[in-house]
Amino acid sequence: MAKEVIKRDGRKEPFDAKKIRNSIADTAKEAGLSGAKKNKLVKQVATSAIQLAKGKDVIATSEIRDKIVSELDRLEPTVSAVWRKSEEEKKKSK
């Protein structure tokens, strides 16, 4: 399992699967998913992203992001659209 994540700015921080789950859950909620549908999506997408990290010591946040977005595109495009919109807003605010 990856022990560290390399952020966009080059900083490293400990890998935290909970952050992945929380990000997906927050985005799904913002997209209007609730209850069992949201929970199922979080589980499916987070599991896929965490599996990606299992084979590595260090992983870039961009790799995790790409995996999450790819899974969201496949499983729930409306949530994927909200994720992308949120990313664009974060870029504009920097």
N, C-alpha and C. Protein backbone atom coordinates (compact mmCIF):
# COMPACT_ATOMS: atom_id res chain seq x y z
N MET A 1 0.85 -1.19 0.00
CA MET A 1 0.00 0.00 0.00
C MET A 1 0.89 1.23 0.00
N ALA A 2 0.50 2.21 -0.77
CA ALA A 2 1.25 3.47 -0.80
C ALA A 2 1.31 4.06 0.60
N LYS A 3 2.49 4.49 0.96
CA LYS A 3 2.66 5.13 2.25
C LYS A 3 2.58 6.65 2.13
N GLU A 4 2.91 7.14 0.93
CA GLU A 4 2.91 8.59 0.72
C GLU A 4 2.20 8.97 -0.56
N VAL A 5 1.68 10.19 -0.55
CA VAL A 5 1.04 10.79 -1.71
C VAL A 5 1.84 12.03 -2.08
N ILE A 6 2.11 12.19 -3.37
CA ILE A 6 2.79 13.39 -3.84
C ILE A 6 1.73 14.35 -4.35
N LYS A 7 1.66 15.51 -3.71
CA LYS A 7 0.67 16.52 -4.07
C LYS A 7 1.11 17.24 -5.34
N ARG A 8 0.21 18.03 -5.92
CA ARG A 8 0.52 18.78 -7.14
C ARG A 8 1.74 19.68 -6.99
N ASP A 9 1.88 20.27 -5.82
CA ASP A 9 3.00 21.20 -5.61
C ASP A 9 4.30 20.50 -5.21
N GLY A 10 4.29 19.16 -5.22
CA GLY A 10 5.49 18.40 -4.92
C GLY A 10 5.63 17.97 -3.46
N ARG A 11 4.78 18.52 -2.59
CA ARG A 11 4.82 18.10 -1.19
C ARG A 11 4.40 16.65 -1.07
N LYS A 12 4.91 16.00 -0.04
CA LYS A 12 4.49 14.63 0.25
C LYS A 12 3.73 14.61 1.56
N GLU A 13 2.72 13.76 1.61
CA GLU A 13 2.00 13.57 2.87
C GLU A 13 1.58 12.11 2.95
N PRO A 14 1.26 11.64 4.14
CA PRO A 14 0.87 10.24 4.30
C PRO A 14 -0.38 9.91 3.49
N PHE A 15 -0.39 8.71 2.91
CA PHE A 15 -1.57 8.23 2.20
C PHE A 15 -2.70 8.05 3.19
N ASP A 16 -3.89 8.53 2.83
CA ASP A 16 -5.04 8.44 3.72
C ASP A 16 -6.28 8.05 2.92
N ALA A 17 -6.65 6.78 2.99
CA ALA A 17 -7.80 6.28 2.23
C ALA A 17 -9.08 6.99 2.64
N LYS A 18 -9.15 7.45 3.88
CA LYS A 18 -10.35 8.14 4.35
C LYS A 18 -10.59 9.43 3.57
N LYS A 19 -9.50 10.12 3.21
CA LYS A 19 -9.64 11.35 2.42
C LYS A 19 -10.28 11.05 1.06
N ILE A 20 -9.90 9.92 0.48
CA ILE A 20 -10.47 9.53 -0.81
C ILE A 20 -11.97 9.31 -0.65
N ARG A 21 -12.33 8.53 0.34
CA ARG A 21 -13.76 8.24 0.58
C ARG A 21 -14.55 9.53 0.84
N ASN A 22 -13.99 10.40 1.68
CA ASN A 22 -14.68 11.65 2.01
C ASN A 22 -14.87 12.55 0.79
N SER A 23 -13.86 12.63 -0.06
CA SER A 23 -13.96 13.46 -1.27
C SER A 23 -15.05 12.96 -2.19
N ILE A 24 -15.09 11.65 -2.37
CA ILE A 24 -16.11 11.05 -3.24
C ILE A 24 -17.50 11.26 -2.62
N ALA A 25 -17.62 11.04 -1.33
CA ALA A 25 -18.91 11.20 -0.65
C ALA A 25 -19.40 12.64 -0.73
N ASP A 26 -18.51 13.59 -0.49
CA ASP A 26 -18.89 15.01 -0.55
C ASP A 26 -19.37 15.39 -1.95
N THR A 27 -18.66 14.91 -2.95
CA THR A 27 -19.02 15.23 -4.33
C THR A 27 -20.35 14.57 -4.70
N ALA A 28 -20.53 13.33 -4.29
CA ALA A 28 -21.80 12.63 -4.58
C ALA A 28 -22.97 13.35 -3.92
N LYS A 29 -22.77 13.80 -2.70
CA LYS A 29 -23.83 14.52 -1.99
C LYS A 29 -24.14 15.83 -2.71
N GLU A 30 -23.09 16.53 -3.13
CA GLU A 30 -23.28 17.79 -3.85
C GLU A 30 -24.03 17.56 -5.17
N ALA A 31 -23.82 16.39 -5.77
CA ALA A 31 -24.49 16.05 -7.03
C ALA A 31 -25.93 15.59 -6.82
N GLY A 32 -26.34 15.44 -5.56
CA GLY A 32 -27.71 15.08 -5.28
C GLY A 32 -27.94 13.62 -4.93
N LEU A 33 -26.87 12.84 -4.87
CA LEU A 33 -27.03 11.44 -4.45
C LEU A 33 -27.16 11.38 -2.94
N SER A 34 -27.93 10.45 -2.47
CA SER A 34 -28.05 10.30 -1.03
C SER A 34 -28.24 8.83 -0.69
N GLY A 35 -28.13 8.54 0.57
CA GLY A 35 -28.42 7.21 1.09
C GLY A 35 -27.60 6.10 0.47
N ALA A 36 -28.29 5.03 0.17
CA ALA A 36 -27.64 3.80 -0.29
C ALA A 36 -26.91 3.99 -1.62
N LYS A 37 -27.47 4.77 -2.51
CA LYS A 37 -26.83 4.98 -3.82
C LYS A 37 -25.48 5.68 -3.65
N LYS A 38 -25.45 6.70 -2.79
CA LYS A 38 -24.20 7.40 -2.52
C LYS A 38 -23.19 6.47 -1.87
N ASN A 39 -23.63 5.72 -0.87
CA ASN A 39 -22.72 4.81 -0.16
C ASN A 39 -22.14 3.76 -1.09
N LYS A 40 -22.98 3.22 -1.97
CA LYS A 40 -22.50 2.21 -2.92
C LYS A 40 -21.47 2.81 -3.87
N LEU A 41 -21.73 4.02 -4.36
CA LEU A 41 -20.78 4.68 -5.26
C LEU A 41 -19.45 4.94 -4.56
N VAL A 42 -19.50 5.44 -3.33
CA VAL A 42 -18.28 5.71 -2.57
C VAL A 42 -17.47 4.42 -2.42
N LYS A 43 -18.14 3.36 -2.05
CA LYS A 43 -17.44 2.09 -1.86
C LYS A 43 -16.79 1.61 -3.15
N GLN A 44 -17.53 1.64 -4.25
CA GLN A 44 -17.00 1.16 -5.52
C GLN A 44 -15.81 1.99 -6.00
N VAL A 45 -15.96 3.30 -6.00
CA VAL A 45 -14.92 4.17 -6.54
C VAL A 45 -13.70 4.20 -5.62
N ALA A 46 -13.92 4.30 -4.33
CA ALA A 46 -12.80 4.33 -3.38
C ALA A 46 -12.01 3.03 -3.43
N THR A 47 -12.71 1.91 -3.52
CA THR A 47 -12.03 0.61 -3.59
C THR A 47 -11.12 0.56 -4.81
N SER A 48 -11.59 1.06 -5.92
CA SER A 48 -10.80 1.07 -7.14
C SER A 48 -9.55 1.94 -7.00
N ALA A 49 -9.71 3.12 -6.40
CA ALA A 49 -8.58 4.03 -6.21
C ALA A 49 -7.57 3.46 -5.20
N ILE A 50 -8.08 2.84 -4.16
CA ILE A 50 -7.20 2.26 -3.14
C ILE A 50 -6.44 1.06 -3.71
N GLN A 51 -7.11 0.27 -4.56
CA GLN A 51 -6.43 -0.85 -5.23
C GLN A 51 -5.26 -0.35 -6.06
N LEU A 52 -5.44 0.77 -6.74
CA LEU A 52 -4.37 1.37 -7.53
C LEU A 52 -3.17 1.68 -6.65
N ALA A 53 -3.42 2.17 -5.45
CA ALA A 53 -2.35 2.56 -4.53
C ALA A 53 -1.67 1.36 -3.88
N LYS A 54 -2.33 0.21 -3.88
CA LYS A 54 -1.78 -0.96 -3.20
C LYS A 54 -0.46 -1.43 -3.81
N GLY A 55 -0.30 -1.28 -5.09
CA GLY A 55 0.91 -1.76 -5.74
C GLY A 55 2.08 -0.80 -5.73
N LYS A 56 1.97 0.28 -4.98
CA LYS A 56 3.00 1.33 -5.02
C LYS A 56 3.41 1.75 -3.62
N ASP A 57 4.63 2.25 -3.51
CA ASP A 57 5.08 2.84 -2.24
C ASP A 57 4.67 4.30 -2.15
N VAL A 58 4.71 4.98 -3.31
CA VAL A 58 4.37 6.39 -3.41
C VAL A 58 3.46 6.55 -4.61
N ILE A 59 2.45 7.39 -4.48
CA ILE A 59 1.53 7.63 -5.59
C ILE A 59 1.22 9.12 -5.69
N ALA A 60 1.07 9.61 -6.91
CA ALA A 60 0.74 11.02 -7.12
C ALA A 60 -0.76 11.22 -6.98
N THR A 61 -1.13 12.37 -6.46
CA THR A 61 -2.56 12.67 -6.35
C THR A 61 -3.21 12.67 -7.73
N SER A 62 -2.46 13.03 -8.76
CA SER A 62 -3.02 13.03 -10.11
C SER A 62 -3.41 11.63 -10.56
N GLU A 63 -2.65 10.61 -10.15
CA GLU A 63 -3.01 9.23 -10.48
C GLU A 63 -4.31 8.83 -9.79
N ILE A 64 -4.41 9.20 -8.52
CA ILE A 64 -5.62 8.89 -7.75
C ILE A 64 -6.81 9.61 -8.37
N ARG A 65 -6.64 10.86 -8.69
CA ARG A 65 -7.70 11.67 -9.29
C ARG A 65 -8.16 11.06 -10.61
N ASP A 66 -7.20 10.69 -11.46
CA ASP A 66 -7.56 10.12 -12.76
C ASP A 66 -8.38 8.84 -12.59
N LYS A 67 -8.01 8.02 -11.63
CA LYS A 67 -8.75 6.78 -11.38
C LYS A 67 -10.16 7.09 -10.89
N ILE A 68 -10.27 8.02 -9.96
CA ILE A 68 -11.58 8.40 -9.42
C ILE A 68 -12.48 8.94 -10.53
N VAL A 69 -11.97 9.86 -11.32
CA VAL A 69 -12.77 10.47 -12.39
C VAL A 69 -13.18 9.42 -13.42
N SER A 70 -12.27 8.53 -13.76
CA SER A 70 -12.58 7.46 -14.71
C SER A 70 -13.72 6.58 -14.20
N GLU A 71 -13.66 6.22 -12.92
CA GLU A 71 -14.71 5.39 -12.33
C GLU A 71 -16.03 6.16 -12.23
N LEU A 72 -15.96 7.43 -11.87
CA LEU A 72 -17.18 8.23 -11.81
C LEU A 72 -17.81 8.39 -13.19
N ASP A 73 -16.98 8.58 -14.21
CA ASP A 73 -17.49 8.67 -15.58
C ASP A 73 -18.27 7.41 -15.95
N ARG A 74 -17.73 6.29 -15.54
CA ARG A 74 -18.33 5.00 -15.88
C ARG A 74 -19.60 4.71 -15.08
N LEU A 75 -19.57 5.04 -13.79
CA LEU A 75 -20.65 4.65 -12.89
C LEU A 75 -21.73 5.71 -12.69
N GLU A 76 -21.31 6.97 -12.63
CA GLU A 76 -22.26 8.04 -12.29
C GLU A 76 -21.77 9.36 -12.89
N PRO A 77 -22.01 9.56 -14.20
CA PRO A 77 -21.51 10.76 -14.88
C PRO A 77 -21.92 12.09 -14.25
N THR A 78 -23.07 12.15 -13.60
CA THR A 78 -23.48 13.41 -12.98
C THR A 78 -22.53 13.79 -11.83
N VAL A 79 -22.06 12.80 -11.10
CA VAL A 79 -21.11 13.05 -10.02
C VAL A 79 -19.77 13.45 -10.60
N SER A 80 -19.38 12.81 -11.68
CA SER A 80 -18.14 13.14 -12.36
C SER A 80 -18.14 14.61 -12.81
N ALA A 81 -19.27 15.05 -13.33
CA ALA A 81 -19.38 16.45 -13.78
C ALA A 81 -19.21 17.42 -12.61
N VAL A 82 -19.80 17.09 -11.47
CA VAL A 82 -19.65 17.94 -10.28
C VAL A 82 -18.20 17.95 -9.82
N TRP A 83 -17.53 16.79 -9.86
CA TRP A 83 -16.12 16.70 -9.47
C TRP A 83 -15.28 17.63 -10.34
N ARG A 84 -15.49 17.57 -11.66
CA ARG A 84 -14.71 18.41 -12.58
C ARG A 84 -14.99 19.90 -12.35
N LYS A 85 -16.24 20.24 -12.13
CA LYS A 85 -16.60 21.63 -11.87
C LYS A 85 -15.90 22.13 -10.61
N SER A 86 -15.88 21.31 -9.59
CA SER A 86 -15.22 21.67 -8.33
C SER A 86 -13.73 21.89 -8.54
N GLU A 87 -13.11 21.03 -9.34
CA GLU A 87 -11.68 21.18 -9.63
C GLU A 87 -11.41 22.50 -10.34
N GLU A 88 -12.26 22.84 -11.31
CA GLU A 88 -12.09 24.10 -12.05
C GLU A 88 -12.21 25.30 -11.12
N GLU A 89 -13.16 25.25 -10.20
CA GLU A 89 -13.35 26.34 -9.25
C GLU A 89 -12.14 26.49 -8.34
N LYS A 90 -11.55 25.36 -7.93
CA LYS A 90 -10.35 25.40 -7.09
C LYS A 90 -9.18 26.03 -7.84
N LYS A 91 -9.04 25.69 -9.13
CA LYS A 91 -7.95 26.24 -9.94
C LYS A 91 -8.10 27.76 -10.08
N LYS A 92 -9.34 28.23 -10.28
CA LYS A 92 -9.60 29.65 -10.45
C LYS A 92 -9.32 30.44 -9.17
N SER A 93 -9.52 29.81 -8.03
CA SER A 93 -9.35 30.52 -6.76
C SER A 93 -7.89 30.60 -6.32
N LYS A 94 -7.02 29.91 -7.03
CA LYS A 94 -5.59 29.95 -6.66
C LYS A 94 -4.86 31.04 -7.35
